[in-house]
N, C-alpha and C. Protein backbone atom coordinates (compact mmCIF):
# COMPACT_ATOMS: atom_id res chain seq x y z
N MET A 1 -6.98 9.59 -14.43
CA MET A 1 -7.93 8.74 -13.78
C MET A 1 -7.57 8.86 -12.14
N PRO A 2 -8.56 9.30 -11.46
CA PRO A 2 -8.31 9.42 -9.93
C PRO A 2 -7.99 8.09 -9.25
N ILE A 3 -6.94 8.03 -8.40
CA ILE A 3 -6.63 6.74 -7.81
C ILE A 3 -7.82 6.17 -7.03
N GLU A 4 -8.80 6.94 -6.59
CA GLU A 4 -9.90 6.26 -6.03
C GLU A 4 -10.42 5.21 -6.65
N ASN A 5 -10.37 5.28 -8.14
CA ASN A 5 -10.89 4.30 -8.99
C ASN A 5 -9.85 3.07 -8.94
N LEU A 6 -8.74 3.27 -8.65
CA LEU A 6 -7.67 2.18 -8.76
C LEU A 6 -7.29 1.47 -7.33
N ALA A 7 -7.43 2.23 -6.28
CA ALA A 7 -7.09 1.92 -4.95
C ALA A 7 -8.04 0.68 -4.58
N ARG A 8 -7.31 -0.15 -3.68
CA ARG A 8 -8.32 -1.23 -3.01
C ARG A 8 -8.86 -0.59 -1.75
N SER A 9 -10.18 -0.83 -1.70
CA SER A 9 -10.85 -0.31 -0.52
C SER A 9 -10.78 -1.17 0.59
N ASN A 10 -10.52 -2.49 0.58
CA ASN A 10 -10.49 -3.28 1.52
C ASN A 10 -9.03 -3.36 2.35
N VAL A 11 -8.67 -2.35 3.10
CA VAL A 11 -7.17 -2.15 3.61
C VAL A 11 -7.35 -2.87 4.85
N VAL A 12 -6.06 -3.62 5.10
CA VAL A 12 -5.88 -4.30 6.31
C VAL A 12 -5.39 -3.20 7.47
N THR A 13 -6.29 -3.17 8.45
CA THR A 13 -5.66 -2.10 9.41
C THR A 13 -5.44 -2.76 10.87
N ALA A 14 -4.71 -2.24 11.65
CA ALA A 14 -4.57 -2.48 13.07
C ALA A 14 -4.40 -1.14 13.89
N GLN A 15 -4.27 -1.57 15.04
CA GLN A 15 -4.12 -0.36 16.11
C GLN A 15 -2.61 -0.35 16.66
N GLU A 16 -2.25 0.64 17.22
CA GLU A 16 -0.88 0.89 17.62
C GLU A 16 -0.48 -0.26 18.55
N HIS A 17 -1.39 -0.58 19.45
CA HIS A 17 -1.00 -1.48 20.73
C HIS A 17 -1.17 -2.87 20.30
N ASP A 18 -1.66 -3.30 18.87
CA ASP A 18 -1.57 -4.68 18.49
C ASP A 18 -0.02 -5.24 18.19
N SER A 19 -0.08 -6.54 18.61
CA SER A 19 1.27 -7.18 18.56
C SER A 19 1.75 -7.45 17.33
N VAL A 20 2.97 -7.30 16.90
CA VAL A 20 3.60 -7.52 15.51
C VAL A 20 3.01 -8.99 15.02
N GLN A 21 2.91 -9.94 16.10
CA GLN A 21 2.62 -11.28 15.65
C GLN A 21 1.22 -11.35 15.09
N GLU A 22 0.23 -10.52 15.73
CA GLU A 22 -0.96 -10.44 15.16
C GLU A 22 -1.08 -9.91 13.85
N LEU A 23 -0.19 -8.86 13.59
CA LEU A 23 -0.07 -8.09 12.19
C LEU A 23 0.48 -9.18 11.36
N ALA A 24 1.29 -10.05 11.51
CA ALA A 24 1.74 -10.97 10.70
C ALA A 24 0.76 -11.89 10.38
N THR A 25 0.16 -12.39 11.22
CA THR A 25 -1.01 -13.26 11.00
C THR A 25 -2.02 -12.57 10.09
N ARG A 26 -2.21 -11.31 10.39
CA ARG A 26 -3.31 -10.65 9.42
C ARG A 26 -2.85 -10.52 8.01
N MET A 27 -1.64 -10.32 7.85
CA MET A 27 -1.01 -10.19 6.59
C MET A 27 -1.11 -11.66 5.84
N ASP A 28 -0.81 -12.51 6.69
CA ASP A 28 -0.72 -14.08 6.05
C ASP A 28 -2.17 -14.25 5.68
N GLU A 29 -3.26 -14.08 6.31
CA GLU A 29 -4.51 -14.41 6.29
C GLU A 29 -5.12 -13.58 5.04
N SER A 30 -4.66 -12.35 4.88
CA SER A 30 -5.46 -11.50 3.94
C SER A 30 -4.50 -11.43 2.67
N HIS A 31 -3.42 -12.17 2.80
CA HIS A 31 -2.42 -12.22 1.59
C HIS A 31 -2.06 -10.88 1.23
N VAL A 32 -1.62 -10.07 2.11
CA VAL A 32 -1.00 -8.59 1.72
C VAL A 32 0.48 -8.40 2.26
N GLY A 33 1.11 -7.57 2.13
CA GLY A 33 2.29 -7.20 2.58
C GLY A 33 2.37 -6.10 3.54
N SER A 34 1.22 -5.58 3.97
CA SER A 34 1.41 -4.42 4.85
C SER A 34 0.10 -4.23 5.74
N VAL A 35 0.26 -3.49 6.70
CA VAL A 35 -0.98 -3.25 7.64
C VAL A 35 -0.78 -1.66 8.03
N VAL A 36 -2.09 -0.94 7.59
CA VAL A 36 -2.05 0.34 7.92
C VAL A 36 -2.67 0.60 9.37
N ILE A 37 -1.70 1.36 10.21
CA ILE A 37 -2.08 1.55 11.51
C ILE A 37 -2.95 2.63 11.60
N THR A 38 -3.95 2.54 12.31
CA THR A 38 -4.95 3.72 12.43
C THR A 38 -5.26 4.22 13.69
N GLU A 39 -5.67 5.34 13.82
CA GLU A 39 -6.20 5.75 15.23
C GLU A 39 -7.75 6.28 14.78
N GLY A 40 -8.52 5.77 15.19
CA GLY A 40 -10.02 6.04 14.63
C GLY A 40 -10.08 5.53 13.32
N ASP A 41 -10.39 6.53 12.25
CA ASP A 41 -10.55 6.36 10.85
C ASP A 41 -9.30 6.89 10.22
N GLU A 42 -8.28 7.48 10.89
CA GLU A 42 -7.05 8.24 10.28
C GLU A 42 -6.01 7.21 10.48
N PRO A 43 -5.17 7.13 9.19
CA PRO A 43 -3.89 6.32 9.14
C PRO A 43 -2.89 7.21 10.03
N ILE A 44 -2.05 6.48 10.75
CA ILE A 44 -1.08 7.09 11.59
C ILE A 44 0.28 6.45 11.26
N GLY A 45 0.18 5.24 10.68
CA GLY A 45 1.48 4.55 10.37
C GLY A 45 1.34 3.38 9.46
N ILE A 46 2.25 2.82 9.14
CA ILE A 46 2.25 1.47 8.43
C ILE A 46 3.37 0.42 8.83
N VAL A 47 2.96 -0.69 8.81
CA VAL A 47 3.81 -1.81 8.96
C VAL A 47 4.09 -2.79 7.81
N THR A 48 5.19 -2.98 7.35
CA THR A 48 5.21 -3.73 6.17
C THR A 48 6.01 -5.21 6.27
N ASP A 49 5.70 -6.28 5.55
CA ASP A 49 6.31 -7.48 5.90
C ASP A 49 7.90 -7.25 5.89
N ARG A 50 8.44 -6.27 5.21
CA ARG A 50 9.95 -5.95 5.42
C ARG A 50 10.18 -5.42 6.98
N ASP A 51 9.38 -4.57 7.49
CA ASP A 51 9.58 -4.05 8.75
C ASP A 51 9.55 -5.32 9.59
N LEU A 52 8.72 -6.32 9.56
CA LEU A 52 8.74 -7.46 10.51
C LEU A 52 10.06 -8.04 10.28
N ALA A 53 10.61 -8.35 9.23
CA ALA A 53 11.91 -9.04 9.00
C ALA A 53 12.96 -8.22 9.70
N THR A 54 13.17 -6.80 9.17
CA THR A 54 14.28 -6.21 9.64
C THR A 54 14.14 -5.69 10.99
N ARG A 55 12.96 -5.05 11.39
CA ARG A 55 12.90 -4.50 12.73
C ARG A 55 12.62 -5.35 13.78
N VAL A 56 11.90 -6.35 13.44
CA VAL A 56 11.54 -7.22 14.57
C VAL A 56 12.53 -8.42 14.67
N LEU A 57 12.51 -9.34 13.59
CA LEU A 57 13.51 -10.43 13.58
C LEU A 57 15.07 -9.93 13.62
N GLY A 58 15.40 -8.92 12.69
CA GLY A 58 16.59 -8.45 12.82
C GLY A 58 17.11 -7.82 14.03
N ASN A 59 16.09 -7.25 14.81
CA ASN A 59 16.63 -6.81 16.12
C ASN A 59 16.49 -7.74 17.39
N GLY A 60 15.89 -8.89 17.03
CA GLY A 60 15.68 -9.85 18.08
C GLY A 60 14.53 -9.55 18.92
N MET A 61 13.65 -8.91 18.48
CA MET A 61 12.62 -8.61 19.34
C MET A 61 11.63 -9.78 19.18
N ASP A 62 10.75 -9.80 20.41
CA ASP A 62 9.77 -10.93 20.57
C ASP A 62 8.57 -10.50 19.93
N PRO A 63 8.08 -11.17 18.76
CA PRO A 63 6.85 -10.70 18.20
C PRO A 63 5.68 -10.76 18.90
N ALA A 64 5.41 -11.42 19.92
CA ALA A 64 4.42 -11.48 20.84
C ALA A 64 4.33 -10.23 21.81
N GLU A 65 5.57 -9.56 22.15
CA GLU A 65 5.77 -8.58 23.00
C GLU A 65 5.72 -7.31 22.13
N ALA A 66 6.48 -7.28 21.08
CA ALA A 66 6.53 -6.00 20.15
C ALA A 66 5.28 -5.71 19.73
N THR A 67 4.91 -4.26 19.45
CA THR A 67 3.84 -3.89 19.13
C THR A 67 3.73 -3.03 17.77
N ALA A 68 2.70 -2.60 17.06
CA ALA A 68 2.76 -1.97 16.08
C ALA A 68 3.34 -0.87 15.99
N GLY A 69 3.13 -0.11 17.23
CA GLY A 69 3.65 1.27 17.57
C GLY A 69 5.25 1.22 17.65
N ASP A 70 5.81 -0.10 18.00
CA ASP A 70 7.38 -0.09 18.14
C ASP A 70 8.07 -0.22 16.82
N VAL A 71 7.38 -0.67 15.72
CA VAL A 71 7.99 -0.81 14.61
C VAL A 71 7.36 -0.04 13.44
N MET A 72 6.24 0.55 13.51
CA MET A 72 5.66 1.06 12.39
C MET A 72 6.56 2.30 11.73
N SER A 73 6.40 2.45 10.62
CA SER A 73 6.78 3.87 9.94
C SER A 73 5.71 4.91 10.16
N ASP A 74 6.10 5.99 10.92
CA ASP A 74 5.18 6.85 11.30
C ASP A 74 5.24 8.16 10.56
N ASP A 75 6.10 8.16 9.53
CA ASP A 75 6.44 9.39 8.69
C ASP A 75 5.44 9.12 7.47
N LEU A 76 4.30 8.76 7.71
CA LEU A 76 3.47 8.22 6.55
C LEU A 76 2.93 9.19 5.49
N ALA A 77 3.34 8.80 4.13
CA ALA A 77 2.90 9.51 3.14
C ALA A 77 1.51 9.00 2.64
N THR A 78 0.58 9.85 2.45
CA THR A 78 -0.82 9.44 1.72
C THR A 78 -1.07 10.23 0.69
N ALA A 79 -1.97 9.61 0.00
CA ALA A 79 -2.67 10.46 -1.43
C ALA A 79 -3.95 10.74 -1.03
N ASP A 80 -4.52 11.82 -1.67
CA ASP A 80 -5.83 12.16 -1.69
C ASP A 80 -6.62 11.49 -2.62
N GLN A 81 -8.01 10.83 -2.49
CA GLN A 81 -8.46 9.94 -3.11
C GLN A 81 -8.73 10.66 -4.66
N THR A 82 -8.73 11.86 -4.74
CA THR A 82 -8.70 12.61 -6.01
C THR A 82 -7.67 12.58 -6.73
N ASP A 83 -6.29 12.50 -6.27
CA ASP A 83 -5.24 12.55 -6.95
C ASP A 83 -5.20 11.62 -8.18
N GLY A 84 -4.36 11.83 -9.15
CA GLY A 84 -4.18 10.91 -10.37
C GLY A 84 -3.10 10.05 -10.07
N PHE A 85 -3.16 9.20 -11.14
CA PHE A 85 -2.01 8.06 -11.31
C PHE A 85 -0.58 8.73 -11.03
N TYR A 86 -0.42 9.63 -11.82
CA TYR A 86 0.92 10.24 -11.89
C TYR A 86 1.23 10.92 -10.53
N LYS A 87 0.28 11.30 -9.96
CA LYS A 87 0.56 11.91 -8.44
C LYS A 87 0.98 10.92 -7.42
N ALA A 88 0.29 9.72 -7.74
CA ALA A 88 0.43 8.61 -6.72
C ALA A 88 1.94 8.02 -7.10
N THR A 89 2.43 8.01 -8.40
CA THR A 89 3.63 7.36 -8.65
C THR A 89 4.70 8.32 -8.13
N GLU A 90 4.51 9.64 -8.24
CA GLU A 90 5.43 10.74 -7.86
C GLU A 90 5.62 10.65 -6.47
N LEU A 91 4.56 10.53 -5.40
CA LEU A 91 4.76 10.26 -4.16
C LEU A 91 5.34 9.02 -3.68
N MET A 92 5.16 7.85 -4.30
CA MET A 92 5.75 6.76 -4.11
C MET A 92 7.34 6.92 -4.46
N SER A 93 7.80 7.45 -5.47
CA SER A 93 9.19 7.82 -5.78
C SER A 93 9.71 8.64 -4.84
N GLU A 94 9.15 9.79 -4.61
CA GLU A 94 9.66 10.75 -3.67
C GLU A 94 9.90 10.25 -2.23
N HIS A 95 9.11 9.27 -1.88
CA HIS A 95 9.32 8.87 -0.46
C HIS A 95 9.84 7.32 -0.36
N GLY A 96 10.22 6.70 -1.53
CA GLY A 96 10.73 5.54 -1.54
C GLY A 96 9.87 4.30 -1.10
N ILE A 97 8.68 4.39 -1.54
CA ILE A 97 7.83 3.53 -0.90
C ILE A 97 7.04 2.79 -2.05
N ARG A 98 6.37 1.60 -1.73
CA ARG A 98 5.52 0.81 -2.71
C ARG A 98 4.10 0.72 -2.36
N ARG A 99 3.74 1.39 -1.19
CA ARG A 99 2.45 1.18 -0.56
C ARG A 99 1.92 2.60 -0.26
N LEU A 100 0.78 3.15 -0.75
CA LEU A 100 0.38 4.40 -0.46
C LEU A 100 -1.04 4.35 -0.01
N PRO A 101 -1.37 4.65 1.30
CA PRO A 101 -2.70 4.71 1.83
C PRO A 101 -3.45 5.82 1.14
N VAL A 102 -4.65 5.90 0.87
CA VAL A 102 -5.46 6.75 0.10
C VAL A 102 -6.47 7.35 1.16
N CYS A 103 -6.54 8.59 1.31
CA CYS A 103 -7.44 9.31 2.26
C CYS A 103 -8.51 10.31 1.63
N ASN A 104 -9.62 10.48 2.30
CA ASN A 104 -10.60 11.43 1.86
C ASN A 104 -10.25 12.73 2.17
N GLU A 105 -11.14 13.71 1.94
CA GLU A 105 -10.73 15.19 2.36
C GLU A 105 -10.85 15.24 3.95
N SER A 106 -11.43 14.50 4.68
CA SER A 106 -11.31 14.50 6.05
C SER A 106 -10.10 13.58 6.81
N ASN A 107 -9.10 13.22 5.98
CA ASN A 107 -8.18 12.36 6.44
C ASN A 107 -8.37 10.95 6.79
N GLU A 108 -9.71 10.62 6.29
CA GLU A 108 -10.05 9.20 6.68
C GLU A 108 -9.44 8.19 5.71
N LEU A 109 -8.91 7.11 6.14
CA LEU A 109 -8.42 6.03 5.20
C LEU A 109 -9.57 5.64 4.38
N VAL A 110 -9.40 5.47 3.08
CA VAL A 110 -10.51 5.01 2.28
C VAL A 110 -9.99 3.89 1.24
N GLY A 111 -8.64 3.79 1.27
CA GLY A 111 -8.10 2.78 0.43
C GLY A 111 -6.51 2.66 0.46
N ILE A 112 -6.14 1.89 -0.42
CA ILE A 112 -4.47 1.65 -0.56
C ILE A 112 -4.27 1.35 -1.89
N ILE A 113 -3.26 1.86 -2.45
CA ILE A 113 -2.73 1.68 -3.80
C ILE A 113 -1.22 1.38 -3.71
N THR A 114 -0.81 0.14 -4.25
CA THR A 114 0.53 -0.33 -4.41
C THR A 114 1.19 -0.14 -5.71
N SER A 115 2.60 -0.32 -5.64
CA SER A 115 3.18 -0.25 -6.88
C SER A 115 2.71 -1.38 -7.85
N ASP A 116 2.37 -2.67 -7.15
CA ASP A 116 1.85 -3.73 -7.97
C ASP A 116 0.59 -3.47 -8.78
N ASP A 117 -0.41 -2.62 -8.09
CA ASP A 117 -1.58 -2.13 -8.58
C ASP A 117 -1.18 -1.28 -9.78
N LEU A 118 -0.30 -0.48 -9.68
CA LEU A 118 0.08 0.56 -10.73
C LEU A 118 0.67 -0.09 -12.06
N ASN A 119 1.69 -1.26 -11.59
CA ASN A 119 2.24 -1.92 -12.73
C ASN A 119 1.14 -2.83 -13.47
N GLU A 120 0.11 -3.24 -12.68
CA GLU A 120 -0.88 -4.09 -13.29
C GLU A 120 -1.55 -3.08 -14.26
N LEU A 121 -1.96 -1.91 -13.84
CA LEU A 121 -2.72 -1.09 -14.74
C LEU A 121 -1.79 -0.71 -15.89
N LEU A 122 -0.65 -0.30 -15.74
CA LEU A 122 0.33 -0.14 -16.96
C LEU A 122 0.47 -1.28 -17.93
N ALA A 123 0.37 -2.32 -17.41
CA ALA A 123 0.50 -3.74 -18.19
C ALA A 123 -0.81 -3.77 -19.11
N ASP A 124 -1.98 -3.46 -18.36
CA ASP A 124 -3.25 -3.49 -19.12
C ASP A 124 -3.27 -2.55 -20.38
N GLU A 125 -2.77 -1.33 -19.96
CA GLU A 125 -2.65 -0.30 -20.94
C GLU A 125 -1.58 -0.81 -22.10
N HIS A 126 -0.63 -1.17 -21.81
CA HIS A 126 0.29 -1.85 -22.74
C HIS A 126 -0.39 -2.96 -23.73
N MET A 127 -1.10 -3.83 -23.21
CA MET A 127 -1.75 -4.74 -23.76
C MET A 127 -2.71 -4.10 -24.78
N GLN A 128 -3.50 -3.13 -24.26
CA GLN A 128 -4.55 -2.47 -25.06
C GLN A 128 -3.84 -1.76 -26.38
N LEU A 129 -2.66 -1.14 -26.06
CA LEU A 129 -1.85 -0.57 -27.01
C LEU A 129 -1.40 -1.55 -27.96
N SER A 130 -0.80 -2.71 -27.54
CA SER A 130 -0.46 -3.78 -28.48
C SER A 130 -1.46 -4.35 -29.46
N ASP A 131 -2.74 -4.40 -28.98
CA ASP A 131 -3.98 -4.82 -29.53
C ASP A 131 -4.14 -3.98 -30.77
N VAL A 132 -4.10 -2.47 -30.50
CA VAL A 132 -4.09 -1.53 -31.61
C VAL A 132 -3.19 -1.76 -32.64
N ILE A 133 -1.92 -1.89 -32.19
CA ILE A 133 -0.87 -2.06 -33.17
C ILE A 133 -0.96 -3.37 -33.84
N GLN A 134 -1.37 -4.24 -33.37
CA GLN A 134 -1.45 -5.54 -34.19
C GLN A 134 -2.53 -5.53 -35.05
N ALA A 135 -3.64 -4.99 -34.76
CA ALA A 135 -4.81 -4.73 -35.64
C ALA A 135 -4.34 -3.99 -36.83
N GLN A 136 -3.59 -3.00 -36.75
CA GLN A 136 -3.27 -2.07 -37.84
C GLN A 136 -2.01 -2.48 -38.55
N ARG A 137 -1.38 -3.64 -38.11
CA ARG A 137 0.04 -4.15 -38.79
C ARG A 137 -0.30 -4.94 -40.07
N PRO A 138 0.28 -4.68 -41.04
CA PRO A 138 -0.11 -5.31 -42.28
C PRO A 138 0.52 -6.95 -42.14
N GLU A 139 0.07 -7.78 -42.74
CA GLU A 139 0.22 -9.03 -42.83
C GLU A 139 1.79 -9.33 -43.44
N TYR A 140 2.41 -10.33 -42.84
CA TYR A 140 4.03 -10.51 -43.40
C TYR A 140 3.81 -11.77 -44.03
């Protein structure tokens, strides 16, 4: 199954010059743990809630003065929207990440998929498999 069918299309984004205080507010209001930093429609970085804790608070930065560009991870791994589930998990594992922006063939941001999304999918698949097993199990 292509991850374009699994990815969330309502990605929370910001610009490189936005303050980390603005990012934290967006994360809180949107109930997400990351903001994808874009230039036009292309993703150029990501800031996670962990980045805010370690790079901003941990380093004593002023959240009103520090910008997304100061703290974002710019070695961004992305997936193509036609990639499959296994490719997404492989990319997450290779890069040690839990959030993976999804792009189209023009490298424009079209979604994001998280390890939570993938775990939820696996849980659903396990539940369906469990239903098959229970339906075929003899009564005890």
